[in-house]
């Protein structure tokens, strides 16, 4: 169980809540003699290392969460912000391409004078 716990990363499409639940189960099987506080700390550390994006991991680490539920909530907020930011950049990119001179969607294009 220790190897499974140490290698367990968040899967694509897996929520933070499910990932955290799996980690709690694995840590209790891998380290049954550890106190609940020690298991919680190990689980938070593994959660940080196993999140999908490095920026989320860094943000959770810097937040210094003392409870796994805090880390899960913070990860959810971070992932949402990351997704919204990425979507916003995508929309801005498409918008800037549409506004380039010479594109067919440019409203400032006028027919040549005769």
Protein backbone atom coordinates (compact mmCIF):
# COMPACT_ATOMS: atom_id res chain seq x y z
CA UNK A 1 0.00 0.00 0.00
CA UNK A 2 2.91 2.37 0.62
CA UNK A 3 3.98 2.16 -3.01
CA UNK A 4 0.41 2.79 -4.21
CA UNK A 5 0.08 5.76 -1.89
CA UNK A 6 3.44 7.21 -2.90
CA UNK A 7 2.67 6.95 -6.62
CA UNK A 8 -1.01 7.93 -6.62
CA UNK A 9 -1.63 11.02 -8.73
CA UNK A 10 -4.93 12.65 -9.60
CA UNK A 11 -6.41 11.11 -12.72
CA UNK A 12 -7.81 13.11 -15.63
CA UNK A 13 -11.42 13.95 -14.92
CA UNK A 14 -11.12 12.97 -11.26
CA UNK A 15 -12.43 15.49 -8.74
CA UNK A 16 -10.31 16.66 -5.84
CA UNK A 17 -12.81 15.15 -3.44
CA UNK A 18 -12.54 11.67 -4.94
CA UNK A 19 -8.76 11.93 -5.17
CA UNK A 20 -8.57 12.97 -1.51
CA UNK A 21 -10.88 10.11 -0.48
CA UNK A 22 -8.65 7.60 -2.29
CA UNK A 23 -5.56 9.05 -0.62
CA UNK A 24 -7.15 8.80 2.83
CA UNK A 25 -7.94 5.15 2.22
CA UNK A 26 -4.44 4.39 0.95
CA UNK A 27 -2.68 6.24 3.78
CA UNK A 28 -4.70 4.37 6.39
CA UNK A 29 -3.72 1.06 4.75
CA UNK A 30 -0.08 2.05 4.20
CA UNK A 31 0.52 3.56 7.64
CA UNK A 32 -2.03 2.05 10.06
CA UNK A 33 0.15 2.73 13.10
CA UNK A 34 0.55 6.44 12.39
CA UNK A 35 -1.57 8.93 14.30
CA UNK A 36 -4.48 10.62 12.54
CA UNK A 37 -2.48 13.87 12.50
CA UNK A 38 0.50 12.18 10.83
CA UNK A 39 -1.76 10.48 8.28
CA UNK A 40 -3.43 13.82 7.51
CA UNK A 41 -0.06 15.50 6.94
CA UNK A 42 1.13 12.70 4.64
CA UNK A 43 -2.13 12.85 2.73
CA UNK A 44 -1.89 16.63 2.25
CA UNK A 45 1.69 16.26 0.99
CA UNK A 46 0.67 13.53 -1.47
CA UNK A 47 -2.34 15.59 -2.58
CA UNK A 48 -0.07 18.55 -3.33
CA UNK A 49 2.35 16.43 -5.36
CA UNK A 50 -0.40 14.62 -7.22
CA UNK A 51 -2.58 17.44 -8.50
CA UNK A 52 -2.86 17.83 -12.27
CA UNK A 53 -1.22 21.23 -12.73
CA UNK A 54 2.06 22.43 -11.22
CA UNK A 55 0.61 25.88 -10.52
CA UNK A 56 -2.14 24.32 -8.40
CA UNK A 57 0.42 22.27 -6.48
CA UNK A 58 2.50 25.39 -5.86
CA UNK A 59 -0.48 27.42 -4.69
CA UNK A 60 -1.62 24.74 -2.24
CA UNK A 61 1.93 24.36 -0.92
CA UNK A 62 2.26 28.11 -0.35
CA UNK A 63 -1.15 28.20 1.35
CA UNK A 64 0.20 25.79 4.02
CA UNK A 65 -3.10 23.97 4.48
CA UNK A 66 -3.40 22.13 7.78
CA UNK A 67 -6.42 20.05 6.77
CA UNK A 68 -6.99 18.02 3.64
CA UNK A 69 -10.41 19.63 3.19
CA UNK A 70 -8.68 23.04 2.96
CA UNK A 71 -6.29 21.73 0.32
CA UNK A 72 -9.16 20.21 -1.68
CA UNK A 73 -11.15 23.47 -1.57
CA UNK A 74 -8.15 25.55 -2.51
CA UNK A 75 -7.28 23.16 -5.37
CA UNK A 76 -10.81 23.48 -6.70
CA UNK A 77 -10.61 27.28 -6.67
CA UNK A 78 -7.17 27.23 -8.26
CA UNK A 79 -8.21 24.82 -11.02
CA UNK A 80 -11.32 26.93 -11.74
CA UNK A 81 -9.22 30.10 -11.97
CA UNK A 82 -6.70 28.31 -14.20
CA UNK A 83 -9.45 27.07 -16.52
CA UNK A 84 -11.16 30.48 -16.71
CA UNK A 85 -7.83 32.20 -17.38
CA UNK A 86 -7.01 29.73 -20.15
CA UNK A 87 -10.47 30.19 -21.70
CA UNK A 88 -10.14 33.98 -21.50
CA UNK A 89 -6.75 33.88 -23.25
CA UNK A 90 -8.26 31.68 -25.95
CA UNK A 91 -11.11 34.14 -26.54
CA UNK A 92 -8.67 37.07 -26.63
CA UNK A 93 -6.52 35.22 -29.14
CA UNK A 94 -9.48 34.53 -31.43
CA UNK A 95 -10.65 38.12 -31.06
CA UNK A 96 -7.27 39.55 -31.99
CA UNK A 97 -7.08 37.33 -35.09
CA UNK A 98 -10.55 38.47 -36.20
CA UNK A 99 -9.57 42.11 -35.80
CA UNK A 100 -6.39 41.89 -37.88
CA UNK A 101 -6.36 43.97 -41.05
CA UNK A 102 -7.20 42.01 -44.18
CA UNK A 103 -9.43 39.43 -42.50
CA UNK A 104 -12.86 38.88 -43.97
CA UNK A 105 -14.58 39.76 -40.70
CA UNK A 106 -13.02 43.22 -40.52
CA UNK A 107 -15.81 45.81 -40.54
CA UNK A 108 -13.48 48.63 -41.60
CA UNK A 109 -12.81 47.11 -45.02
CA UNK A 110 -14.33 49.19 -47.79
CA UNK A 111 -14.64 48.39 -51.47
CA UNK A 112 -12.12 50.12 -53.73
CA UNK A 113 -13.21 53.44 -55.22
CA UNK A 114 -13.99 53.42 -58.97
